[in-house]
């Protein structure tokens, strides 16, 4: 009797898990390169004179890619501001600002806010002032400038609400007063006047706004 050999088992090819880390890293690098190129071109030529095509040529990508990703010049500036407001390091400045509220001493909270403002201001001030100046001639710039300034006012209103609800504000200082004081000392114009025009160091700027906010609010 002829015995049949058992058939070989089918080889099972394990499904390889899809690793998207490489694609994410390439996307991050492209984002950083695009925004760096946009920042350099905007600061060199101004908002109105800069074109998406010139940025694309600088970076080495197609203008269509920029339009698809950012929508145009206004979207690039918005992304530049968002990137600058993240500050340095792996944890965003906004997250670190919120974490400061776990402090029990309001002076330490405002000191932390001063450090964060000094960290972020050199990054975001040139872009914001570029946009502010363009707003006089370009309606799209004016709309974006108003949006970003409104966002900053809302952030300062939230900080002021925290100070008021925690009972930290000095007598006679309302929550609205606190909002406006914080808005003033976080303004790009103040950083520009003291650091860029009067040549204060960032450390001197940090010390001044921390002391001024503390004296005005607590």
N, C-alpha and C. Protein backbone atom coordinates (compact mmCIF):
# COMPACT_ATOMS: atom_id res chain seq x y z
N UNK A 1 0.87 -1.18 0.00
CA UNK A 1 0.00 0.00 0.00
C UNK A 1 0.89 1.22 0.00
N UNK A 2 0.56 2.10 -0.88
CA UNK A 2 1.34 3.33 -1.00
C UNK A 2 0.82 4.34 0.00
N UNK A 3 1.73 4.77 0.79
CA UNK A 3 1.34 5.77 1.80
C UNK A 3 1.52 7.17 1.21
N UNK A 4 0.55 7.96 1.43
CA UNK A 4 0.67 9.36 0.96
C UNK A 4 1.38 10.18 2.01
N UNK A 5 2.25 11.03 1.55
CA UNK A 5 2.98 11.90 2.47
C UNK A 5 2.06 13.01 2.94
N UNK A 6 2.17 13.32 4.19
CA UNK A 6 1.33 14.42 4.66
C UNK A 6 1.72 15.72 3.98
N UNK A 7 0.71 16.46 3.65
CA UNK A 7 0.99 17.74 2.96
C UNK A 7 1.66 18.71 3.93
N UNK A 8 2.57 19.49 3.38
CA UNK A 8 3.28 20.46 4.22
C UNK A 8 2.32 21.53 4.67
N UNK A 9 2.45 21.92 5.90
CA UNK A 9 1.55 22.97 6.40
C UNK A 9 1.79 24.27 5.65
N UNK A 10 0.70 24.98 5.44
CA UNK A 10 0.83 26.27 4.78
C UNK A 10 1.64 27.23 5.65
N UNK A 11 2.59 27.89 5.01
CA UNK A 11 3.37 28.87 5.76
C UNK A 11 2.51 30.10 6.03
N UNK A 12 2.54 30.47 7.24
CA UNK A 12 1.76 31.65 7.63
C UNK A 12 2.69 32.84 7.68
N UNK A 13 2.41 33.82 6.87
CA UNK A 13 3.20 35.05 6.91
C UNK A 13 2.59 35.99 7.93
N UNK A 14 3.28 36.18 9.04
CA UNK A 14 2.71 37.08 10.05
C UNK A 14 2.54 38.48 9.48
N UNK A 15 1.42 39.06 9.77
CA UNK A 15 1.15 40.41 9.30
C UNK A 15 2.09 41.38 9.99
N UNK A 16 2.83 42.08 9.20
CA UNK A 16 3.76 43.03 9.78
C UNK A 16 3.00 44.26 10.25
N UNK A 17 3.22 44.59 11.49
CA UNK A 17 2.54 45.78 12.01
C UNK A 17 3.06 47.01 11.29
N UNK A 18 2.18 47.88 10.98
CA UNK A 18 2.54 49.08 10.23
C UNK A 18 3.15 50.10 11.18
N UNK A 19 4.36 50.49 10.87
CA UNK A 19 5.07 51.46 11.70
C UNK A 19 5.04 52.80 11.00
N UNK A 20 4.31 53.74 11.60
CA UNK A 20 4.16 55.05 10.96
C UNK A 20 5.13 56.08 11.51
N UNK A 21 6.05 55.64 12.40
CA UNK A 21 6.94 56.62 13.02
C UNK A 21 7.83 57.30 11.99
N UNK A 22 8.28 56.54 10.99
CA UNK A 22 9.11 57.14 9.95
C UNK A 22 8.37 58.19 9.16
N UNK A 23 7.12 57.89 8.82
CA UNK A 23 6.33 58.86 8.06
C UNK A 23 6.07 60.11 8.88
N UNK A 24 5.79 59.93 10.18
CA UNK A 24 5.55 61.08 11.05
C UNK A 24 6.80 61.94 11.16
N UNK A 25 7.95 61.30 11.24
CA UNK A 25 9.20 62.05 11.35
C UNK A 25 9.47 62.84 10.08
N UNK A 26 9.21 62.22 8.92
CA UNK A 26 9.40 62.95 7.66
C UNK A 26 8.45 64.12 7.56
N UNK A 27 7.22 63.93 8.02
CA UNK A 27 6.24 65.02 7.99
C UNK A 27 6.67 66.16 8.92
N UNK A 28 7.21 65.80 10.07
CA UNK A 28 7.67 66.82 11.01
C UNK A 28 8.83 67.61 10.42
N UNK A 29 9.75 66.89 9.79
CA UNK A 29 10.90 67.57 9.18
C UNK A 29 10.46 68.50 8.07
N UNK A 30 9.49 68.05 7.26
CA UNK A 30 8.99 68.90 6.18
C UNK A 30 8.29 70.13 6.76
N UNK A 31 7.52 69.93 7.81
CA UNK A 31 6.86 71.07 8.47
C UNK A 31 7.87 72.07 8.98
N UNK A 32 8.88 71.58 9.68
CA UNK A 32 9.88 72.49 10.26
C UNK A 32 10.64 73.23 9.16
N UNK A 33 11.00 72.51 8.09
CA UNK A 33 11.72 73.14 7.00
C UNK A 33 10.88 74.19 6.30
N UNK A 34 9.60 73.87 6.09
CA UNK A 34 8.70 74.81 5.42
C UNK A 34 8.50 76.06 6.25
N UNK A 35 8.27 75.88 7.54
CA UNK A 35 8.03 77.04 8.40
C UNK A 35 9.29 77.88 8.57
N UNK A 36 10.44 77.23 8.64
CA UNK A 36 11.68 77.99 8.74
C UNK A 36 11.90 78.82 7.47
N UNK A 37 11.66 78.20 6.32
CA UNK A 37 11.81 78.92 5.07
C UNK A 37 10.82 80.07 4.96
N UNK A 38 9.58 79.84 5.41
CA UNK A 38 8.57 80.89 5.38
C UNK A 38 8.95 82.04 6.30
N UNK A 39 9.42 81.71 7.48
CA UNK A 39 9.82 82.76 8.44
C UNK A 39 10.93 83.63 7.86
N UNK A 40 11.94 83.00 7.29
CA UNK A 40 13.05 83.75 6.73
C UNK A 40 12.60 84.64 5.58
N UNK A 41 11.74 84.10 4.72
CA UNK A 41 11.27 84.88 3.57
C UNK A 41 10.37 86.03 4.01
N UNK A 42 9.47 85.77 4.95
CA UNK A 42 8.58 86.83 5.44
C UNK A 42 9.37 87.96 6.08
N UNK A 43 10.33 87.61 6.95
CA UNK A 43 11.09 88.64 7.65
C UNK A 43 12.02 89.40 6.70
N UNK A 44 12.45 88.76 5.62
CA UNK A 44 13.33 89.43 4.66
C UNK A 44 12.56 90.36 3.73
N UNK A 45 11.39 89.90 3.24
CA UNK A 45 10.68 90.62 2.19
C UNK A 45 9.39 91.29 2.67
N UNK A 46 8.91 90.92 3.86
CA UNK A 46 7.63 91.44 4.31
C UNK A 46 6.49 90.54 3.89
N UNK A 47 5.35 90.71 4.54
CA UNK A 47 4.23 89.83 4.27
C UNK A 47 3.66 90.04 2.88
N UNK A 48 3.43 91.28 2.51
CA UNK A 48 2.74 91.56 1.25
C UNK A 48 3.59 91.12 0.05
N UNK A 49 4.89 91.39 0.08
CA UNK A 49 5.75 91.08 -1.06
C UNK A 49 6.06 89.59 -1.18
N UNK A 50 5.95 88.86 -0.10
CA UNK A 50 6.26 87.43 -0.13
C UNK A 50 5.16 86.65 -0.84
N UNK A 51 5.54 85.69 -1.64
CA UNK A 51 4.57 84.83 -2.32
C UNK A 51 4.77 83.38 -1.86
N UNK A 52 3.71 82.62 -1.95
CA UNK A 52 3.80 81.19 -1.64
C UNK A 52 4.80 80.52 -2.57
N UNK A 53 4.84 80.96 -3.82
CA UNK A 53 5.75 80.38 -4.80
C UNK A 53 7.21 80.61 -4.39
N UNK A 54 7.52 81.78 -3.86
CA UNK A 54 8.91 82.05 -3.46
C UNK A 54 9.31 81.18 -2.27
N UNK A 55 8.38 80.98 -1.34
CA UNK A 55 8.66 80.11 -0.21
C UNK A 55 8.86 78.68 -0.68
N UNK A 56 8.00 78.22 -1.58
CA UNK A 56 8.10 76.86 -2.09
C UNK A 56 9.44 76.65 -2.79
N UNK A 57 9.88 77.64 -3.53
CA UNK A 57 11.17 77.52 -4.23
C UNK A 57 12.32 77.46 -3.22
N UNK A 58 12.23 78.28 -2.17
CA UNK A 58 13.28 78.26 -1.14
C UNK A 58 13.38 76.89 -0.48
N UNK A 59 12.22 76.31 -0.20
CA UNK A 59 12.17 75.06 0.55
C UNK A 59 12.43 73.86 -0.35
N UNK A 60 12.09 73.99 -1.64
CA UNK A 60 12.28 72.88 -2.56
C UNK A 60 11.07 71.97 -2.65
N UNK A 61 9.88 72.54 -2.47
CA UNK A 61 8.65 71.78 -2.62
C UNK A 61 7.73 72.55 -3.56
N UNK A 62 6.59 71.97 -3.87
CA UNK A 62 5.66 72.64 -4.78
C UNK A 62 4.79 73.62 -4.00
N UNK A 63 4.39 74.67 -4.70
CA UNK A 63 3.47 75.63 -4.09
C UNK A 63 2.15 74.94 -3.76
N UNK A 64 1.76 73.96 -4.58
CA UNK A 64 0.51 73.24 -4.33
C UNK A 64 0.54 72.54 -2.98
N UNK A 65 1.71 72.04 -2.58
CA UNK A 65 1.82 71.38 -1.28
C UNK A 65 1.57 72.36 -0.15
N UNK A 66 2.11 73.57 -0.28
CA UNK A 66 1.90 74.58 0.75
C UNK A 66 0.44 74.99 0.82
N UNK A 67 -0.17 75.21 -0.35
CA UNK A 67 -1.59 75.58 -0.34
C UNK A 67 -2.45 74.48 0.28
N UNK A 68 -2.12 73.23 -0.05
CA UNK A 68 -2.90 72.11 0.48
C UNK A 68 -2.75 72.00 1.99
N UNK A 69 -1.56 72.26 2.49
CA UNK A 69 -1.29 72.08 3.92
C UNK A 69 -1.71 73.29 4.75
N UNK A 70 -1.43 74.49 4.23
CA UNK A 70 -1.63 75.70 5.04
C UNK A 70 -2.70 76.64 4.50
N UNK A 71 -3.10 76.45 3.27
CA UNK A 71 -4.14 77.30 2.71
C UNK A 71 -3.63 78.58 2.10
N UNK A 72 -2.38 78.93 2.32
CA UNK A 72 -1.83 80.16 1.78
C UNK A 72 -0.97 80.88 2.80
N UNK A 73 -0.70 82.15 2.55
CA UNK A 73 0.21 82.91 3.40
C UNK A 73 -0.33 83.07 4.83
N UNK A 74 -1.61 83.35 4.95
CA UNK A 74 -2.17 83.54 6.28
C UNK A 74 -2.05 82.27 7.12
N UNK A 75 -2.28 81.14 6.49
CA UNK A 75 -2.15 79.88 7.21
C UNK A 75 -0.71 79.61 7.64
N UNK A 76 0.25 80.01 6.81
CA UNK A 76 1.65 79.87 7.18
C UNK A 76 1.99 80.73 8.39
N UNK A 77 1.52 81.96 8.39
CA UNK A 77 1.80 82.84 9.53
C UNK A 77 1.13 82.32 10.80
N UNK A 78 -0.09 81.82 10.67
CA UNK A 78 -0.77 81.24 11.84
C UNK A 78 0.04 80.06 12.39
N UNK A 79 0.53 79.21 11.49
CA UNK A 79 1.34 78.07 11.93
C UNK A 79 2.65 78.53 12.55
N UNK A 80 3.26 79.58 12.01
CA UNK A 80 4.49 80.12 12.60
C UNK A 80 4.24 80.63 14.01
N UNK A 81 3.12 81.31 14.21
CA UNK A 81 2.80 81.82 15.55
C UNK A 81 2.52 80.67 16.51
N UNK A 82 1.79 79.68 16.06
CA UNK A 82 1.52 78.53 16.92
C UNK A 82 2.80 77.82 17.31
N UNK A 83 3.71 77.68 16.37
CA UNK A 83 4.98 77.03 16.66
C UNK A 83 5.79 77.86 17.66
N UNK A 84 5.81 79.17 17.47
CA UNK A 84 6.56 80.04 18.38
C UNK A 84 5.99 80.02 19.78
N UNK A 85 4.66 79.98 19.88
CA UNK A 85 4.00 80.00 21.19
C UNK A 85 4.18 78.70 21.96
N UNK A 86 4.61 77.65 21.27
CA UNK A 86 4.90 76.40 21.97
C UNK A 86 6.14 76.52 22.84
N UNK A 87 7.01 77.50 22.53
CA UNK A 87 8.22 77.68 23.31
C UNK A 87 9.26 76.61 23.01
N UNK A 88 10.19 76.45 23.93
CA UNK A 88 11.27 75.48 23.76
C UNK A 88 10.99 74.23 24.60
N UNK A 89 11.49 73.12 24.13
CA UNK A 89 11.35 71.89 24.91
C UNK A 89 10.15 71.07 24.50
N UNK A 90 10.05 69.87 25.07
CA UNK A 90 9.00 68.93 24.65
C UNK A 90 7.61 69.28 25.16
N UNK A 91 7.51 70.07 26.23
CA UNK A 91 6.21 70.44 26.80
C UNK A 91 5.91 71.87 26.38
N UNK A 92 4.72 72.09 25.82
CA UNK A 92 4.38 73.42 25.30
C UNK A 92 4.31 74.45 26.42
N UNK A 93 4.52 75.70 26.05
CA UNK A 93 4.47 76.79 27.02
C UNK A 93 3.08 76.90 27.66
N UNK A 94 2.04 76.64 26.88
CA UNK A 94 0.68 76.71 27.43
C UNK A 94 0.47 75.66 28.51
N UNK A 95 0.95 74.44 28.27
CA UNK A 95 0.83 73.39 29.28
C UNK A 95 1.61 73.75 30.54
N UNK A 96 2.80 74.28 30.36
CA UNK A 96 3.60 74.68 31.52
C UNK A 96 2.95 75.84 32.27
N UNK A 97 2.31 76.74 31.53
CA UNK A 97 1.61 77.84 32.17
C UNK A 97 0.45 77.33 33.03
N UNK A 98 -0.31 76.40 32.50
CA UNK A 98 -1.42 75.83 33.27
C UNK A 98 -0.92 75.07 34.50
N UNK A 99 0.22 74.39 34.36
CA UNK A 99 0.76 73.62 35.48
C UNK A 99 1.19 74.53 36.62
N UNK A 100 1.53 75.78 36.31
CA UNK A 100 1.95 76.71 37.36
C UNK A 100 0.83 76.95 38.38
N UNK A 101 -0.39 76.71 37.98
CA UNK A 101 -1.51 76.98 38.88
C UNK A 101 -1.56 76.03 40.06
N UNK A 102 -0.73 75.00 40.02
CA UNK A 102 -0.65 74.10 41.17
C UNK A 102 0.18 74.71 42.31
N UNK A 103 0.87 75.81 42.00
CA UNK A 103 1.63 76.50 43.03
C UNK A 103 0.67 77.16 44.03
N UNK A 104 1.06 77.21 45.26
CA UNK A 104 0.22 77.86 46.27
C UNK A 104 0.57 79.34 46.44
N UNK A 105 1.76 79.72 46.01
CA UNK A 105 2.21 81.11 46.14
C UNK A 105 1.99 81.81 44.81
N UNK A 106 1.08 82.81 44.77
CA UNK A 106 0.80 83.49 43.50
C UNK A 106 2.02 84.20 42.93
N UNK A 107 2.96 84.59 43.79
CA UNK A 107 4.17 85.23 43.28
C UNK A 107 4.99 84.27 42.43
N UNK A 108 5.00 83.01 42.84
CA UNK A 108 5.71 82.00 42.05
C UNK A 108 5.00 81.77 40.72
N UNK A 109 3.68 81.86 40.73
CA UNK A 109 2.91 81.70 39.49
C UNK A 109 3.27 82.81 38.50
N UNK A 110 3.25 84.05 38.98
CA UNK A 110 3.55 85.17 38.09
C UNK A 110 5.01 85.15 37.67
N UNK A 111 5.88 84.71 38.55
CA UNK A 111 7.28 84.56 38.17
C UNK A 111 7.41 83.54 37.03
N UNK A 112 6.67 82.46 37.12
CA UNK A 112 6.68 81.47 36.04
C UNK A 112 6.13 82.03 34.75
N UNK A 113 5.07 82.83 34.85
CA UNK A 113 4.52 83.46 33.65
C UNK A 113 5.54 84.40 33.02
N UNK A 114 6.30 85.10 33.86
CA UNK A 114 7.33 85.99 33.33
C UNK A 114 8.40 85.23 32.58
N UNK A 115 8.83 84.09 33.13
CA UNK A 115 9.83 83.26 32.45
C UNK A 115 9.30 82.76 31.10
N UNK A 116 8.04 82.33 31.08
CA UNK A 116 7.47 81.82 29.84
C UNK A 116 7.34 82.93 28.79
N UNK A 117 6.95 84.12 29.24
CA UNK A 117 6.84 85.25 28.31
C UNK A 117 8.20 85.58 27.71
N UNK A 118 9.25 85.55 28.54
CA UNK A 118 10.59 85.84 28.05
C UNK A 118 11.08 84.75 27.11
N UNK A 119 10.61 83.54 27.28
CA UNK A 119 10.99 82.43 26.39
C UNK A 119 10.29 82.54 25.05
N UNK A 120 9.03 82.90 25.08
CA UNK A 120 8.21 82.88 23.86
C UNK A 120 8.37 84.16 23.05
N UNK A 121 8.49 85.30 23.73
CA UNK A 121 8.46 86.59 23.04
C UNK A 121 9.49 86.72 21.92
N UNK A 122 10.76 86.34 22.12
CA UNK A 122 11.71 86.49 21.01
C UNK A 122 11.33 85.65 19.79
N UNK A 123 10.59 84.58 19.99
CA UNK A 123 10.20 83.71 18.89
C UNK A 123 9.01 84.27 18.12
N UNK A 124 8.05 84.83 18.86
CA UNK A 124 6.78 85.20 18.21
C UNK A 124 6.70 86.68 17.86
N UNK A 125 7.43 87.54 18.58
CA UNK A 125 7.31 88.98 18.35
C UNK A 125 7.60 89.39 16.92
N UNK A 126 8.69 88.93 16.28
CA UNK A 126 8.95 89.38 14.90
C UNK A 126 7.81 89.03 13.93
N UNK A 127 7.22 87.87 14.12
CA UNK A 127 6.13 87.45 13.21
C UNK A 127 4.88 88.29 13.47
N UNK A 128 4.57 88.52 14.73
CA UNK A 128 3.38 89.30 15.05
C UNK A 128 3.51 90.75 14.56
N UNK A 129 4.66 91.35 14.74
CA UNK A 129 4.84 92.73 14.29
C UNK A 129 4.83 92.81 12.77
N UNK A 130 5.37 91.81 12.12
CA UNK A 130 5.30 91.73 10.66
C UNK A 130 3.84 91.74 10.21
N UNK A 131 3.03 90.94 10.89
CA UNK A 131 1.62 90.84 10.55
C UNK A 131 0.88 92.13 10.86
N UNK A 132 1.20 92.74 12.00
CA UNK A 132 0.56 94.00 12.37
C UNK A 132 0.82 95.08 11.33
N UNK A 133 2.06 95.19 10.87
CA UNK A 133 2.39 96.21 9.88
C UNK A 133 1.71 95.93 8.54
N UNK A 134 1.60 94.66 8.19
CA UNK A 134 0.94 94.31 6.93
C UNK A 134 -0.56 94.56 7.00
N UNK A 135 -1.12 94.57 8.20
CA UNK A 135 -2.57 94.73 8.36
C UNK A 135 -3.07 96.07 7.84
N UNK A 136 -2.19 97.06 7.77
CA UNK A 136 -2.60 98.37 7.27
C UNK A 136 -2.90 98.34 5.78
N UNK A 137 -2.32 97.38 5.08
CA UNK A 137 -2.46 97.34 3.62
C UNK A 137 -3.21 96.11 3.12
N UNK A 138 -3.21 95.05 3.91
CA UNK A 138 -3.73 93.78 3.44
C UNK A 138 -4.88 93.30 4.32
N UNK A 139 -6.09 93.17 3.78
CA UNK A 139 -7.24 92.76 4.59
C UNK A 139 -7.07 91.39 5.24
N UNK A 140 -6.43 90.46 4.53
CA UNK A 140 -6.22 89.14 5.09
C UNK A 140 -5.31 89.22 6.32
N UNK A 141 -4.29 90.05 6.26
CA UNK A 141 -3.40 90.25 7.41
C UNK A 141 -4.15 90.87 8.57
N UNK A 142 -5.00 91.84 8.26
CA UNK A 142 -5.76 92.51 9.31
C UNK A 142 -6.67 91.53 10.05
N UNK A 143 -7.28 90.64 9.31
CA UNK A 143 -8.17 89.64 9.92
C UNK A 143 -7.38 88.70 10.81
N UNK A 144 -6.23 88.23 10.34
CA UNK A 144 -5.42 87.31 11.12
C UNK A 144 -4.82 88.00 12.34
N UNK A 145 -4.38 89.23 12.18
CA UNK A 145 -3.83 89.99 13.32
C UNK A 145 -4.88 90.13 14.42
N UNK A 146 -6.10 90.48 14.03
CA UNK A 146 -7.18 90.62 15.01
C UNK A 146 -7.48 89.28 15.68
N UNK A 147 -7.44 88.20 14.94
CA UNK A 147 -7.69 86.87 15.49
C UNK A 147 -6.64 86.49 16.54
N UNK A 148 -5.38 86.70 16.19
CA UNK A 148 -4.30 86.32 17.11
C UNK A 148 -4.29 87.19 18.36
N UNK A 149 -4.58 88.46 18.19
CA UNK A 149 -4.63 89.35 19.35
C UNK A 149 -5.81 88.99 20.25
N UNK A 150 -6.92 88.63 19.65
CA UNK A 150 -8.08 88.18 20.42
C UNK A 150 -7.77 86.90 21.18
N UNK A 151 -7.04 86.00 20.56
CA UNK A 151 -6.65 84.76 21.23
C UNK A 151 -5.77 85.06 22.45
N UNK A 152 -4.85 85.99 22.30
CA UNK A 152 -3.98 86.34 23.43
C UNK A 152 -4.79 86.98 24.55
N UNK A 153 -5.75 87.83 24.21
CA UNK A 153 -6.59 88.44 25.22
C UNK A 153 -7.40 87.38 25.97
N UNK A 154 -7.88 86.38 25.25
CA UNK A 154 -8.65 85.30 25.89
C UNK A 154 -7.77 84.49 26.84
N UNK A 155 -6.51 84.25 26.46
CA UNK A 155 -5.60 83.53 27.35
C UNK A 155 -5.34 84.33 28.62
N UNK A 156 -5.17 85.64 28.46
CA UNK A 156 -4.92 86.48 29.63
C UNK A 156 -6.18 86.58 30.50
N UNK A 157 -7.34 86.54 29.88
CA UNK A 157 -8.59 86.54 30.65
C UNK A 157 -8.69 85.27 31.49
N UNK A 158 -8.25 84.15 30.95
CA UNK A 158 -8.27 82.90 31.71
C UNK A 158 -7.29 82.96 32.88
N UNK A 159 -6.12 83.53 32.66
CA UNK A 159 -5.16 83.70 33.76
C UNK A 159 -5.71 84.63 34.83
N UNK A 160 -6.36 85.70 34.39
CA UNK A 160 -6.93 86.64 35.35
C UNK A 160 -8.06 85.99 36.15
N UNK A 161 -8.84 85.14 35.49
CA UNK A 161 -9.92 84.43 36.18
C UNK A 161 -9.35 83.53 37.28
N UNK A 162 -8.24 82.88 36.96
CA UNK A 162 -7.59 82.03 37.96
C UNK A 162 -7.16 82.85 39.17
N UNK A 163 -6.52 84.00 38.94
CA UNK A 163 -6.08 84.84 40.05
C UNK A 163 -7.25 85.34 40.89
N UNK A 164 -8.33 85.73 40.21
CA UNK A 164 -9.51 86.24 40.93
C UNK A 164 -10.19 85.13 41.72
N UNK A 165 -10.41 83.98 41.09
CA UNK A 165 -11.11 82.88 41.75
C UNK A 165 -10.30 82.32 42.92
N UNK A 166 -8.97 82.46 42.86
CA UNK A 166 -8.12 81.96 43.94
C UNK A 166 -7.93 82.99 45.05
N UNK A 167 -8.50 84.18 44.87
CA UNK A 167 -8.39 85.22 45.90
C UNK A 167 -7.04 85.89 45.95
N UNK A 168 -6.31 85.89 44.85
CA UNK A 168 -4.95 86.44 44.85
C UNK A 168 -4.89 87.92 44.47
N UNK A 169 -5.91 88.45 43.84
CA UNK A 169 -5.84 89.83 43.38
C UNK A 169 -5.91 90.79 44.55
N UNK A 170 -5.15 91.85 44.46
CA UNK A 170 -5.16 92.86 45.51
C UNK A 170 -6.50 93.59 45.50
N UNK A 171 -6.92 94.17 46.63
CA UNK A 171 -8.19 94.90 46.68
C UNK A 171 -8.22 96.03 45.65
N UNK A 172 -9.34 96.15 44.98
CA UNK A 172 -9.51 97.20 43.98
C UNK A 172 -9.15 96.79 42.57
N UNK A 173 -8.48 95.66 42.40
CA UNK A 173 -8.13 95.17 41.07
C UNK A 173 -9.19 94.16 40.64
N UNK A 174 -9.93 94.49 39.60
CA UNK A 174 -10.97 93.60 39.12
C UNK A 174 -10.38 92.55 38.19
N UNK A 175 -11.18 91.56 37.88
CA UNK A 175 -10.75 90.53 36.95
C UNK A 175 -10.46 91.13 35.58
N UNK A 176 -11.27 92.13 35.17
CA UNK A 176 -11.04 92.78 33.88
C UNK A 176 -9.74 93.58 33.91
N UNK A 177 -9.48 94.24 35.06
CA UNK A 177 -8.21 94.95 35.20
C UNK A 177 -7.03 93.99 35.04
N UNK A 178 -7.12 92.87 35.72
CA UNK A 178 -6.04 91.87 35.67
C UNK A 178 -5.84 91.36 34.25
N UNK A 179 -6.94 91.11 33.56
CA UNK A 179 -6.84 90.65 32.16
C UNK A 179 -6.07 91.65 31.32
N UNK A 180 -6.40 92.93 31.44
CA UNK A 180 -5.77 93.95 30.61
C UNK A 180 -4.30 94.16 30.99
N UNK A 181 -3.98 94.05 32.27
CA UNK A 181 -2.59 94.19 32.71
C UNK A 181 -1.75 93.05 32.16
N UNK A 182 -2.26 91.83 32.25
CA UNK A 182 -1.54 90.68 31.71
C UNK A 182 -1.42 90.78 30.19
N UNK A 183 -2.44 91.27 29.55
CA UNK A 183 -2.42 91.46 28.09
C UNK A 183 -1.35 92.47 27.71
N UNK A 184 -1.23 93.55 28.49
CA UNK A 184 -0.22 94.57 28.21
C UNK A 184 1.19 94.00 28.31
N UNK A 185 1.47 93.30 29.40
CA UNK A 185 2.84 92.84 29.64
C UNK A 185 3.20 91.62 28.81
N UNK A 186 2.25 91.04 28.11
CA UNK A 186 2.56 89.95 27.17
C UNK A 186 2.55 90.43 25.73
N UNK A 187 2.48 91.74 25.52
CA UNK A 187 2.33 92.27 24.16
C UNK A 187 3.65 92.23 23.40
N UNK A 188 3.59 91.97 22.11
CA UNK A 188 4.82 92.01 21.30
C UNK A 188 5.40 93.41 21.22
N UNK A 189 4.55 94.43 21.32
CA UNK A 189 5.05 95.80 21.25
C UNK A 189 5.98 96.12 22.42
N UNK A 190 5.64 95.65 23.62
CA UNK A 190 6.48 95.93 24.79
C UNK A 190 7.83 95.24 24.65
N UNK A 191 7.81 93.99 24.23
CA UNK A 191 9.08 93.28 24.01
C UNK A 191 9.92 93.99 22.95
N UNK A 192 9.29 94.45 21.89
CA UNK A 192 10.01 95.13 20.82
C UNK A 192 10.63 96.43 21.33
N UNK A 193 9.88 97.20 22.12
CA UNK A 193 10.38 98.47 22.63
C UNK A 193 11.60 98.27 23.54
N UNK A 194 11.50 97.33 24.45
CA UNK A 194 12.55 97.19 25.45
C UNK A 194 13.76 96.38 24.94
N UNK A 195 13.49 95.26 24.28
CA UNK A 195 14.58 94.37 23.88
C UNK A 195 15.19 94.79 22.54
N UNK A 196 14.34 95.02 21.54
CA UNK A 196 14.87 95.32 20.21
C UNK A 196 15.31 96.78 20.07
N UNK A 197 14.53 97.69 20.64
CA UNK A 197 14.85 99.10 20.45
C UNK A 197 15.76 99.67 21.54
N UNK A 198 15.50 99.32 22.81
CA UNK A 198 16.33 99.85 23.90
C UNK A 198 17.45 98.90 24.28
N UNK A 199 17.51 97.74 23.62
CA UNK A 199 18.61 96.79 23.79
C UNK A 199 18.69 96.20 25.19
N UNK A 200 17.54 96.04 25.85
CA UNK A 200 17.53 95.30 27.11
C UNK A 200 17.84 93.84 26.81
N UNK A 201 18.46 93.17 27.78
CA UNK A 201 18.63 91.73 27.65
C UNK A 201 17.30 91.05 27.93
N UNK A 202 17.18 89.80 27.49
CA UNK A 202 15.96 89.05 27.77
C UNK A 202 15.79 88.86 29.27
N UNK A 203 16.90 88.70 30.00
CA UNK A 203 16.83 88.56 31.45
C UNK A 203 16.29 89.83 32.10
N UNK A 204 16.71 90.99 31.61
CA UNK A 204 16.21 92.26 32.15
C UNK A 204 14.72 92.42 31.84
N UNK A 205 14.34 92.06 30.63
CA UNK A 205 12.92 92.10 30.25
C UNK A 205 12.10 91.18 31.14
N UNK A 206 12.59 89.97 31.35
CA UNK A 206 11.91 88.99 32.21
C UNK A 206 11.72 89.56 33.61
N UNK A 207 12.79 90.11 34.18
CA UNK A 207 12.72 90.66 35.53
C UNK A 207 11.73 91.81 35.62
N UNK A 208 11.74 92.67 34.60
CA UNK A 208 10.85 93.84 34.62
C UNK A 208 9.38 93.44 34.56
N UNK A 209 9.02 92.59 33.61
CA UNK A 209 7.60 92.27 33.47
C UNK A 209 7.11 91.46 34.67
N UNK A 210 7.98 90.61 35.24
CA UNK A 210 7.59 89.84 36.43
C UNK A 210 7.31 90.79 37.60
N UNK A 211 8.20 91.72 37.81
CA UNK A 211 8.04 92.68 38.92
C UNK A 211 6.81 93.57 38.67
N UNK A 212 6.64 94.02 37.44
CA UNK A 212 5.52 94.91 37.12
C UNK A 212 4.18 94.20 37.31
N UNK A 213 4.06 92.96 36.83
CA UNK A 213 2.81 92.23 36.99
C UNK A 213 2.52 91.92 38.46
N UNK A 214 3.56 91.57 39.20
CA UNK A 214 3.38 91.28 40.63
C UNK A 214 2.90 92.52 41.37
N UNK A 215 3.56 93.65 41.12
CA UNK A 215 3.19 94.90 41.83
C UNK A 215 1.80 95.36 41.46
N UNK A 216 1.40 95.12 40.22
CA UNK A 216 0.10 95.63 39.76
C UNK A 216 -1.06 94.74 40.19
N UNK A 217 -0.79 93.44 40.39
CA UNK A 217 -1.89 92.50 40.58
C UNK A 217 -2.05 91.99 42.01
N UNK A 218 -0.96 91.78 42.72
CA UNK A 218 -1.04 91.09 44.02
C UNK A 218 -1.01 92.06 45.20
